[in-house]
Amino acid sequence: MTLEIEKMLDETGWRLLEELQQNARLSYSELGQRVNLSAPAVADRMRRLEEAGIITSYRAEVNLGKLGLPITAIIRVGNMAGQSCQQTLSRVSEIPEVIECYRVTGSDALIAKVAATSADHLERIIDQVSFYGPSTTSLVLSKSLPHRSITPAIRERGAAEVESVPAS
């Protein structure tokens, strides 16, 4: 992490990020009240966080079931001879029902999260994805962790684990 980013992520910067992760629709005024800054100071910090690439977007989280997409599945796609991971990732990402897609290490090339209207619809998605490599599908029964905000504690835990490992 650069010194510039480190300076932006002081206690107030982290508090601002935590509030935004919980509710990105808060006004600058409301955010300011929560982190003890004026609205113009909040606007300036947010602009700098955006320019630094720390804040990358603002979006609404939607209820897929209420949108007529009650089935969520995770599809793991293995490597297929003759195709690069990047080609596979690009093609699978173009499938409209794929709502998240990750390039991963290990025996799989990618993991995709998909939304479907029915079991038949999911079967068609699986057939489409399987064209790019052998796949394994898991149905999501429930979401046990709806959202976790990124906090400095996560980074501190990582640093503490590195420091506690004895040198060989």
N, C-alpha and C. Protein backbone atom coordinates (compact mmCIF):
# COMPACT_ATOMS: atom_id res chain seq x y z
N MET A 1 0.85 -1.17 0.00
CA MET A 1 0.00 0.00 0.00
C MET A 1 0.90 1.24 0.00
N THR A 2 0.54 2.20 -0.84
CA THR A 2 1.37 3.40 -0.95
C THR A 2 1.14 4.33 0.25
N LEU A 3 2.07 5.22 0.45
CA LEU A 3 1.97 6.18 1.55
C LEU A 3 0.74 7.06 1.38
N GLU A 4 0.45 7.45 0.13
CA GLU A 4 -0.72 8.29 -0.14
C GLU A 4 -2.02 7.59 0.28
N ILE A 5 -2.14 6.32 -0.07
CA ILE A 5 -3.33 5.56 0.32
C ILE A 5 -3.37 5.37 1.82
N GLU A 6 -2.22 5.10 2.41
CA GLU A 6 -2.13 4.94 3.86
C GLU A 6 -2.65 6.19 4.58
N LYS A 7 -2.30 7.37 4.05
CA LYS A 7 -2.76 8.63 4.65
C LYS A 7 -4.27 8.79 4.51
N MET A 8 -4.82 8.38 3.37
CA MET A 8 -6.27 8.47 3.16
C MET A 8 -7.03 7.55 4.10
N LEU A 9 -6.40 6.42 4.44
CA LEU A 9 -7.07 5.42 5.27
C LEU A 9 -6.69 5.58 6.73
N ASP A 10 -6.80 6.81 7.20
CA ASP A 10 -6.66 7.05 8.64
C ASP A 10 -7.95 6.57 9.30
N GLU A 11 -8.09 6.79 10.59
CA GLU A 11 -9.29 6.34 11.31
C GLU A 11 -10.56 6.90 10.67
N THR A 12 -10.55 8.17 10.32
CA THR A 12 -11.73 8.80 9.71
C THR A 12 -12.01 8.21 8.34
N GLY A 13 -10.97 7.97 7.55
CA GLY A 13 -11.14 7.37 6.23
C GLY A 13 -11.77 6.00 6.31
N TRP A 14 -11.31 5.20 7.26
CA TRP A 14 -11.90 3.87 7.44
C TRP A 14 -13.35 3.97 7.92
N ARG A 15 -13.63 4.89 8.83
CA ARG A 15 -15.01 5.05 9.31
C ARG A 15 -15.92 5.45 8.15
N LEU A 16 -15.44 6.33 7.30
CA LEU A 16 -16.20 6.76 6.12
C LEU A 16 -16.48 5.54 5.22
N LEU A 17 -15.46 4.74 4.96
CA LEU A 17 -15.66 3.55 4.13
C LEU A 17 -16.64 2.56 4.76
N GLU A 18 -16.56 2.38 6.07
CA GLU A 18 -17.48 1.47 6.75
C GLU A 18 -18.92 1.95 6.60
N GLU A 19 -19.15 3.24 6.79
CA GLU A 19 -20.50 3.79 6.64
C GLU A 19 -21.01 3.62 5.22
N LEU A 20 -20.16 3.90 4.24
CA LEU A 20 -20.57 3.77 2.83
C LEU A 20 -20.85 2.32 2.46
N GLN A 21 -20.09 1.38 3.01
CA GLN A 21 -20.33 -0.02 2.71
C GLN A 21 -21.66 -0.49 3.28
N GLN A 22 -22.08 0.12 4.37
CA GLN A 22 -23.37 -0.24 4.95
C GLN A 22 -24.53 0.43 4.21
N ASN A 23 -24.30 1.67 3.74
CA ASN A 23 -25.36 2.40 3.05
C ASN A 23 -24.73 3.45 2.14
N ALA A 24 -24.58 3.12 0.87
CA ALA A 24 -23.93 4.03 -0.08
C ALA A 24 -24.83 5.20 -0.47
N ARG A 25 -26.07 5.21 -0.01
CA ARG A 25 -27.00 6.29 -0.35
C ARG A 25 -26.98 7.44 0.66
N LEU A 26 -26.16 7.34 1.69
CA LEU A 26 -26.10 8.41 2.68
C LEU A 26 -25.62 9.71 2.02
N SER A 27 -26.22 10.81 2.42
CA SER A 27 -25.80 12.11 1.90
C SER A 27 -24.45 12.49 2.51
N TYR A 28 -23.78 13.44 1.87
CA TYR A 28 -22.52 13.92 2.43
C TYR A 28 -22.75 14.49 3.83
N SER A 29 -23.87 15.14 4.02
CA SER A 29 -24.19 15.72 5.32
C SER A 29 -24.33 14.63 6.39
N GLU A 30 -25.09 13.58 6.07
CA GLU A 30 -25.28 12.48 7.02
C GLU A 30 -23.96 11.76 7.29
N LEU A 31 -23.19 11.52 6.24
CA LEU A 31 -21.88 10.89 6.42
C LEU A 31 -21.00 11.75 7.33
N GLY A 32 -21.02 13.05 7.08
CA GLY A 32 -20.23 13.97 7.88
C GLY A 32 -20.59 13.90 9.35
N GLN A 33 -21.89 13.83 9.65
CA GLN A 33 -22.33 13.72 11.04
C GLN A 33 -21.80 12.43 11.68
N ARG A 34 -21.80 11.36 10.91
CA ARG A 34 -21.38 10.07 11.44
C ARG A 34 -19.87 9.96 11.67
N VAL A 35 -19.08 10.71 10.87
CA VAL A 35 -17.62 10.62 11.00
C VAL A 35 -16.99 11.92 11.48
N ASN A 36 -17.83 12.88 11.91
CA ASN A 36 -17.37 14.16 12.44
C ASN A 36 -16.58 15.00 11.43
N LEU A 37 -17.13 15.13 10.22
CA LEU A 37 -16.56 15.99 9.18
C LEU A 37 -17.68 16.85 8.60
N SER A 38 -17.30 17.95 7.97
CA SER A 38 -18.28 18.77 7.26
C SER A 38 -18.63 18.07 5.95
N ALA A 39 -19.77 18.41 5.37
CA ALA A 39 -20.17 17.83 4.09
C ALA A 39 -19.12 18.08 3.00
N PRO A 40 -18.55 19.31 2.89
CA PRO A 40 -17.51 19.52 1.87
C PRO A 40 -16.26 18.66 2.11
N ALA A 41 -15.91 18.44 3.37
CA ALA A 41 -14.75 17.60 3.68
C ALA A 41 -15.03 16.14 3.30
N VAL A 42 -16.27 15.69 3.51
CA VAL A 42 -16.66 14.33 3.11
C VAL A 42 -16.57 14.21 1.59
N ALA A 43 -17.11 15.20 0.88
CA ALA A 43 -17.08 15.18 -0.59
C ALA A 43 -15.64 15.11 -1.09
N ASP A 44 -14.76 15.87 -0.47
CA ASP A 44 -13.35 15.88 -0.88
C ASP A 44 -12.71 14.52 -0.62
N ARG A 45 -12.95 13.95 0.55
CA ARG A 45 -12.37 12.63 0.87
C ARG A 45 -12.90 11.56 -0.09
N MET A 46 -14.20 11.61 -0.36
CA MET A 46 -14.78 10.61 -1.26
C MET A 46 -14.19 10.74 -2.66
N ARG A 47 -14.02 11.96 -3.13
CA ARG A 47 -13.42 12.20 -4.44
C ARG A 47 -12.01 11.60 -4.49
N ARG A 48 -11.23 11.83 -3.41
CA ARG A 48 -9.87 11.30 -3.37
C ARG A 48 -9.86 9.77 -3.29
N LEU A 49 -10.80 9.19 -2.54
CA LEU A 49 -10.90 7.73 -2.44
C LEU A 49 -11.28 7.12 -3.80
N GLU A 50 -12.15 7.81 -4.53
CA GLU A 50 -12.53 7.35 -5.87
C GLU A 50 -11.35 7.45 -6.83
N GLU A 51 -10.67 8.60 -6.82
CA GLU A 51 -9.52 8.80 -7.71
C GLU A 51 -8.40 7.81 -7.44
N ALA A 52 -8.24 7.40 -6.19
CA ALA A 52 -7.21 6.43 -5.81
C ALA A 52 -7.62 5.00 -6.15
N GLY A 53 -8.88 4.81 -6.57
CA GLY A 53 -9.36 3.48 -6.91
C GLY A 53 -9.77 2.65 -5.72
N ILE A 54 -9.89 3.28 -4.55
CA ILE A 54 -10.33 2.56 -3.35
C ILE A 54 -11.84 2.35 -3.42
N ILE A 55 -12.59 3.40 -3.72
CA ILE A 55 -14.02 3.27 -3.98
C ILE A 55 -14.15 3.09 -5.49
N THR A 56 -14.70 1.95 -5.89
CA THR A 56 -14.77 1.65 -7.32
C THR A 56 -16.16 1.78 -7.91
N SER A 57 -17.21 1.73 -7.07
CA SER A 57 -18.56 1.88 -7.59
C SER A 57 -19.55 2.02 -6.44
N TYR A 58 -20.76 2.39 -6.81
CA TYR A 58 -21.89 2.46 -5.89
C TYR A 58 -23.01 1.70 -6.58
N ARG A 59 -23.67 0.80 -5.86
CA ARG A 59 -24.73 0.02 -6.50
C ARG A 59 -25.77 -0.45 -5.50
N ALA A 60 -26.91 -0.82 -6.05
CA ALA A 60 -27.99 -1.37 -5.24
C ALA A 60 -27.86 -2.88 -5.20
N GLU A 61 -28.10 -3.46 -4.05
CA GLU A 61 -28.15 -4.91 -3.92
C GLU A 61 -29.61 -5.30 -4.09
N VAL A 62 -29.90 -6.22 -4.98
CA VAL A 62 -31.29 -6.57 -5.28
C VAL A 62 -31.63 -7.98 -4.80
N ASN A 63 -32.90 -8.21 -4.56
CA ASN A 63 -33.42 -9.50 -4.15
C ASN A 63 -33.75 -10.28 -5.42
N LEU A 64 -32.93 -11.26 -5.77
CA LEU A 64 -33.11 -12.01 -7.01
C LEU A 64 -34.44 -12.74 -7.06
N GLY A 65 -34.88 -13.28 -5.94
CA GLY A 65 -36.15 -14.00 -5.89
C GLY A 65 -37.33 -13.11 -6.25
N LYS A 66 -37.32 -11.89 -5.75
CA LYS A 66 -38.40 -10.95 -6.06
C LYS A 66 -38.35 -10.47 -7.51
N LEU A 67 -37.22 -10.66 -8.17
CA LEU A 67 -37.08 -10.30 -9.58
C LEU A 67 -37.39 -11.49 -10.49
N GLY A 68 -37.88 -12.59 -9.90
CA GLY A 68 -38.22 -13.77 -10.70
C GLY A 68 -37.05 -14.68 -10.98
N LEU A 69 -35.98 -14.56 -10.19
CA LEU A 69 -34.79 -15.40 -10.35
C LEU A 69 -34.50 -16.12 -9.02
N PRO A 70 -35.35 -17.08 -8.63
CA PRO A 70 -35.21 -17.70 -7.31
C PRO A 70 -34.07 -18.70 -7.17
N ILE A 71 -33.45 -19.09 -8.27
CA ILE A 71 -32.39 -20.10 -8.20
C ILE A 71 -31.03 -19.44 -8.41
N THR A 72 -30.17 -19.64 -7.43
CA THR A 72 -28.78 -19.17 -7.54
C THR A 72 -27.90 -20.41 -7.47
N ALA A 73 -26.90 -20.44 -8.33
CA ALA A 73 -25.98 -21.58 -8.35
C ALA A 73 -24.56 -21.09 -8.55
N ILE A 74 -23.63 -21.90 -8.09
CA ILE A 74 -22.21 -21.67 -8.29
C ILE A 74 -21.73 -22.74 -9.27
N ILE A 75 -21.14 -22.30 -10.36
CA ILE A 75 -20.63 -23.25 -11.36
C ILE A 75 -19.11 -23.11 -11.43
N ARG A 76 -18.44 -24.22 -11.16
CA ARG A 76 -16.98 -24.27 -11.28
C ARG A 76 -16.65 -24.84 -12.66
N VAL A 77 -15.77 -24.17 -13.38
CA VAL A 77 -15.40 -24.61 -14.72
C VAL A 77 -13.91 -24.96 -14.73
N GLY A 78 -13.63 -26.19 -15.16
CA GLY A 78 -12.25 -26.65 -15.26
C GLY A 78 -11.59 -26.16 -16.53
N ASN A 79 -10.30 -26.40 -16.62
CA ASN A 79 -9.55 -26.02 -17.81
C ASN A 79 -9.90 -26.93 -18.97
N MET A 80 -9.96 -26.34 -20.16
CA MET A 80 -10.21 -27.12 -21.37
C MET A 80 -9.02 -26.93 -22.30
N ALA A 81 -8.51 -28.03 -22.80
CA ALA A 81 -7.35 -27.97 -23.70
C ALA A 81 -7.66 -27.08 -24.89
N GLY A 82 -6.70 -26.24 -25.25
CA GLY A 82 -6.85 -25.40 -26.42
C GLY A 82 -7.45 -24.03 -26.16
N GLN A 83 -7.91 -23.79 -24.94
CA GLN A 83 -8.47 -22.48 -24.62
C GLN A 83 -7.69 -21.87 -23.46
N SER A 84 -7.41 -20.60 -23.55
CA SER A 84 -6.75 -19.93 -22.44
C SER A 84 -7.80 -19.61 -21.37
N CYS A 85 -7.33 -19.46 -20.15
CA CYS A 85 -8.24 -19.07 -19.06
C CYS A 85 -8.92 -17.74 -19.38
N GLN A 86 -8.17 -16.83 -19.97
CA GLN A 86 -8.72 -15.50 -20.28
C GLN A 86 -9.84 -15.60 -21.31
N GLN A 87 -9.68 -16.46 -22.33
CA GLN A 87 -10.74 -16.64 -23.32
C GLN A 87 -11.98 -17.22 -22.66
N THR A 88 -11.79 -18.24 -21.83
CA THR A 88 -12.92 -18.87 -21.15
C THR A 88 -13.62 -17.87 -20.25
N LEU A 89 -12.85 -17.13 -19.48
CA LEU A 89 -13.42 -16.13 -18.58
C LEU A 89 -14.22 -15.09 -19.37
N SER A 90 -13.67 -14.62 -20.45
CA SER A 90 -14.33 -13.62 -21.27
C SER A 90 -15.65 -14.14 -21.83
N ARG A 91 -15.65 -15.36 -22.34
CA ARG A 91 -16.86 -15.92 -22.95
C ARG A 91 -17.93 -16.23 -21.91
N VAL A 92 -17.53 -16.81 -20.80
CA VAL A 92 -18.51 -17.14 -19.75
C VAL A 92 -19.10 -15.85 -19.17
N SER A 93 -18.28 -14.81 -19.03
CA SER A 93 -18.75 -13.53 -18.48
C SER A 93 -19.81 -12.88 -19.37
N GLU A 94 -19.84 -13.24 -20.65
CA GLU A 94 -20.83 -12.67 -21.57
C GLU A 94 -22.21 -13.30 -21.44
N ILE A 95 -22.32 -14.43 -20.75
CA ILE A 95 -23.62 -15.09 -20.56
C ILE A 95 -24.42 -14.23 -19.59
N PRO A 96 -25.61 -13.76 -20.00
CA PRO A 96 -26.37 -12.81 -19.18
C PRO A 96 -26.69 -13.29 -17.76
N GLU A 97 -26.91 -14.58 -17.59
CA GLU A 97 -27.27 -15.10 -16.27
C GLU A 97 -26.08 -15.17 -15.31
N VAL A 98 -24.88 -15.01 -15.81
CA VAL A 98 -23.68 -15.01 -14.95
C VAL A 98 -23.61 -13.65 -14.27
N ILE A 99 -23.78 -13.63 -12.95
CA ILE A 99 -23.82 -12.35 -12.22
C ILE A 99 -22.51 -12.06 -11.48
N GLU A 100 -21.66 -13.05 -11.33
CA GLU A 100 -20.31 -12.86 -10.81
C GLU A 100 -19.43 -13.92 -11.45
N CYS A 101 -18.18 -13.58 -11.69
CA CYS A 101 -17.27 -14.54 -12.32
C CYS A 101 -15.86 -14.25 -11.84
N TYR A 102 -15.16 -15.31 -11.40
CA TYR A 102 -13.82 -15.17 -10.85
C TYR A 102 -12.86 -16.13 -11.53
N ARG A 103 -11.70 -15.66 -11.91
CA ARG A 103 -10.61 -16.53 -12.35
C ARG A 103 -9.92 -17.02 -11.09
N VAL A 104 -9.69 -18.33 -11.01
CA VAL A 104 -9.16 -18.92 -9.78
C VAL A 104 -7.98 -19.84 -10.08
N THR A 105 -7.28 -20.22 -9.03
CA THR A 105 -6.19 -21.18 -9.16
C THR A 105 -6.71 -22.56 -8.78
N GLY A 106 -5.91 -23.57 -9.03
CA GLY A 106 -6.30 -24.93 -8.69
C GLY A 106 -6.80 -25.68 -9.91
N SER A 107 -7.64 -26.67 -9.67
CA SER A 107 -8.11 -27.51 -10.78
C SER A 107 -9.16 -26.81 -11.63
N ASP A 108 -9.72 -25.72 -11.14
CA ASP A 108 -10.71 -24.97 -11.91
C ASP A 108 -10.07 -23.75 -12.56
N ALA A 109 -10.64 -23.34 -13.68
CA ALA A 109 -10.19 -22.12 -14.35
C ALA A 109 -10.97 -20.93 -13.83
N LEU A 110 -12.27 -21.15 -13.54
CA LEU A 110 -13.09 -20.04 -13.06
C LEU A 110 -14.25 -20.56 -12.23
N ILE A 111 -14.82 -19.63 -11.48
CA ILE A 111 -16.03 -19.90 -10.71
C ILE A 111 -17.03 -18.81 -11.09
N ALA A 112 -18.25 -19.24 -11.44
CA ALA A 112 -19.30 -18.30 -11.84
C ALA A 112 -20.50 -18.45 -10.91
N LYS A 113 -21.08 -17.34 -10.55
CA LYS A 113 -22.33 -17.32 -9.81
C LYS A 113 -23.41 -16.97 -10.82
N VAL A 114 -24.46 -17.79 -10.89
CA VAL A 114 -25.50 -17.57 -11.88
C VAL A 114 -26.87 -17.46 -11.21
N ALA A 115 -27.80 -16.79 -11.89
CA ALA A 115 -29.18 -16.66 -11.43
C ALA A 115 -30.09 -17.24 -12.49
N ALA A 116 -31.11 -18.00 -12.06
CA ALA A 116 -32.01 -18.65 -13.01
C ALA A 116 -33.45 -18.57 -12.53
N THR A 117 -34.36 -18.68 -13.51
CA THR A 117 -35.79 -18.63 -13.20
C THR A 117 -36.34 -19.98 -12.77
N SER A 118 -35.69 -21.08 -13.20
CA SER A 118 -36.21 -22.42 -12.93
C SER A 118 -35.08 -23.44 -13.08
N ALA A 119 -35.39 -24.69 -12.75
CA ALA A 119 -34.40 -25.76 -12.94
C ALA A 119 -34.09 -25.94 -14.42
N ASP A 120 -35.10 -25.83 -15.28
CA ASP A 120 -34.86 -25.94 -16.73
C ASP A 120 -33.94 -24.83 -17.22
N HIS A 121 -34.18 -23.62 -16.73
CA HIS A 121 -33.34 -22.48 -17.11
C HIS A 121 -31.90 -22.72 -16.64
N LEU A 122 -31.74 -23.20 -15.41
CA LEU A 122 -30.40 -23.50 -14.89
C LEU A 122 -29.72 -24.57 -15.74
N GLU A 123 -30.47 -25.57 -16.16
CA GLU A 123 -29.89 -26.63 -16.99
C GLU A 123 -29.35 -26.05 -18.31
N ARG A 124 -30.07 -25.13 -18.91
CA ARG A 124 -29.60 -24.49 -20.15
C ARG A 124 -28.33 -23.66 -19.90
N ILE A 125 -28.29 -22.98 -18.75
CA ILE A 125 -27.09 -22.20 -18.40
C ILE A 125 -25.90 -23.13 -18.22
N ILE A 126 -26.11 -24.24 -17.51
CA ILE A 126 -25.03 -25.21 -17.28
C ILE A 126 -24.52 -25.75 -18.61
N ASP A 127 -25.45 -26.08 -19.52
CA ASP A 127 -25.05 -26.58 -20.84
C ASP A 127 -24.21 -25.53 -21.58
N GLN A 128 -24.62 -24.28 -21.47
CA GLN A 128 -23.89 -23.19 -22.15
C GLN A 128 -22.50 -23.02 -21.55
N VAL A 129 -22.40 -23.03 -20.22
CA VAL A 129 -21.11 -22.86 -19.54
C VAL A 129 -20.21 -24.07 -19.79
N SER A 130 -20.78 -25.26 -19.80
CA SER A 130 -20.00 -26.49 -19.98
C SER A 130 -19.33 -26.57 -21.33
N PHE A 131 -19.78 -25.80 -22.28
CA PHE A 131 -19.15 -25.75 -23.60
C PHE A 131 -17.69 -25.30 -23.47
N TYR A 132 -17.38 -24.52 -22.44
CA TYR A 132 -16.04 -23.95 -22.27
C TYR A 132 -15.13 -24.78 -21.38
N GLY A 133 -15.63 -25.87 -20.82
CA GLY A 133 -14.81 -26.74 -19.99
C GLY A 133 -15.69 -27.59 -19.10
N PRO A 134 -15.11 -28.64 -18.52
CA PRO A 134 -15.90 -29.48 -17.61
C PRO A 134 -16.37 -28.66 -16.41
N SER A 135 -17.63 -28.86 -16.03
CA SER A 135 -18.17 -28.02 -14.95
C SER A 135 -18.77 -28.85 -13.83
N THR A 136 -18.82 -28.23 -12.67
CA THR A 136 -19.48 -28.78 -11.49
C THR A 136 -20.38 -27.68 -10.94
N THR A 137 -21.63 -28.02 -10.66
CA THR A 137 -22.60 -27.02 -10.22
C THR A 137 -23.07 -27.31 -8.81
N SER A 138 -23.17 -26.27 -8.00
CA SER A 138 -23.73 -26.36 -6.65
C SER A 138 -24.87 -25.36 -6.54
N LEU A 139 -26.01 -25.81 -6.03
CA LEU A 139 -27.13 -24.90 -5.80
C LEU A 139 -26.91 -24.16 -4.49
N VAL A 140 -27.21 -22.87 -4.48
CA VAL A 140 -27.13 -22.08 -3.25
C VAL A 140 -28.46 -22.23 -2.53
N LEU A 141 -28.44 -22.76 -1.32
CA LEU A 141 -29.66 -22.94 -0.55
C LEU A 141 -30.01 -21.68 0.24
N SER A 142 -28.99 -21.04 0.77
CA SER A 142 -29.20 -19.80 1.51
C SER A 142 -27.89 -19.03 1.55
N LYS A 143 -28.01 -17.77 1.88
CA LYS A 143 -26.84 -16.89 1.99
C LYS A 143 -26.63 -16.62 3.47
N SER A 144 -25.64 -17.28 4.06
CA SER A 144 -25.45 -17.19 5.50
C SER A 144 -24.73 -15.91 5.93
N LEU A 145 -24.04 -15.26 5.01
CA LEU A 145 -23.35 -14.01 5.32
C LEU A 145 -23.79 -12.99 4.27
N PRO A 146 -24.82 -12.21 4.57
CA PRO A 146 -25.37 -11.31 3.56
C PRO A 146 -24.38 -10.27 3.05
N HIS A 147 -23.61 -9.70 3.91
CA HIS A 147 -22.63 -8.69 3.50
C HIS A 147 -21.67 -8.45 4.64
N ARG A 148 -20.40 -8.40 4.32
CA ARG A 148 -19.41 -8.07 5.34
C ARG A 148 -18.64 -6.86 4.86
N SER A 149 -18.62 -5.85 5.69
CA SER A 149 -17.85 -4.65 5.37
C SER A 149 -16.37 -4.93 5.55
N ILE A 150 -15.57 -4.34 4.68
CA ILE A 150 -14.12 -4.43 4.81
C ILE A 150 -13.68 -3.39 5.82
N THR A 151 -12.97 -3.83 6.84
CA THR A 151 -12.52 -2.95 7.91
C THR A 151 -11.01 -3.09 8.09
N PRO A 152 -10.40 -2.17 8.82
CA PRO A 152 -8.96 -2.31 9.07
C PRO A 152 -8.62 -3.57 9.87
N ALA A 153 -9.58 -4.09 10.62
CA ALA A 153 -9.33 -5.29 11.42
C ALA A 153 -8.92 -6.48 10.55
N ILE A 154 -9.48 -6.57 9.36
CA ILE A 154 -9.13 -7.68 8.46
C ILE A 154 -7.66 -7.59 8.07
N ARG A 155 -7.23 -6.39 7.68
CA ARG A 155 -5.84 -6.19 7.30
C ARG A 155 -4.92 -6.41 8.49
N GLU A 156 -5.33 -5.95 9.66
CA GLU A 156 -4.51 -6.11 10.86
C GLU A 156 -4.36 -7.59 11.22
N ARG A 157 -5.43 -8.37 11.04
CA ARG A 157 -5.33 -9.82 11.31
C ARG A 157 -4.33 -10.47 10.37
N GLY A 158 -4.34 -10.05 9.10
CA GLY A 158 -3.39 -10.60 8.13
C GLY A 158 -1.96 -10.24 8.50
N ALA A 159 -1.73 -9.01 8.90
CA ALA A 159 -0.39 -8.57 9.29
C ALA A 159 0.06 -9.29 10.55
N ALA A 160 -0.87 -9.50 11.50
CA ALA A 160 -0.52 -10.16 12.76
C ALA A 160 -0.14 -11.61 12.50
N GLU A 161 -0.83 -12.28 11.56
CA GLU A 161 -0.51 -13.66 11.26
C GLU A 161 0.88 -13.76 10.64
N VAL A 162 1.24 -12.84 9.78
CA VAL A 162 2.56 -12.85 9.15
C VAL A 162 3.62 -12.63 10.23
N GLU A 163 3.39 -11.70 11.12
CA GLU A 163 4.36 -11.38 12.17
C GLU A 163 4.52 -12.54 13.16
N SER A 164 3.44 -13.32 13.38
CA SER A 164 3.50 -14.39 14.39
C SER A 164 4.12 -15.68 13.85
N VAL A 165 4.34 -15.76 12.54
CA VAL A 165 4.95 -16.97 11.96
C VAL A 165 6.45 -16.90 12.21
N PRO A 166 7.00 -17.92 12.88
CA PRO A 166 8.44 -17.89 13.16
C PRO A 166 9.26 -18.01 11.88
N ALA A 167 10.36 -17.30 11.83
CA ALA A 167 11.26 -17.36 10.67
C ALA A 167 11.97 -18.70 10.68
N SER A 168 12.20 -19.27 9.48
CA SER A 168 12.87 -20.58 9.43
C SER A 168 14.33 -20.44 9.12
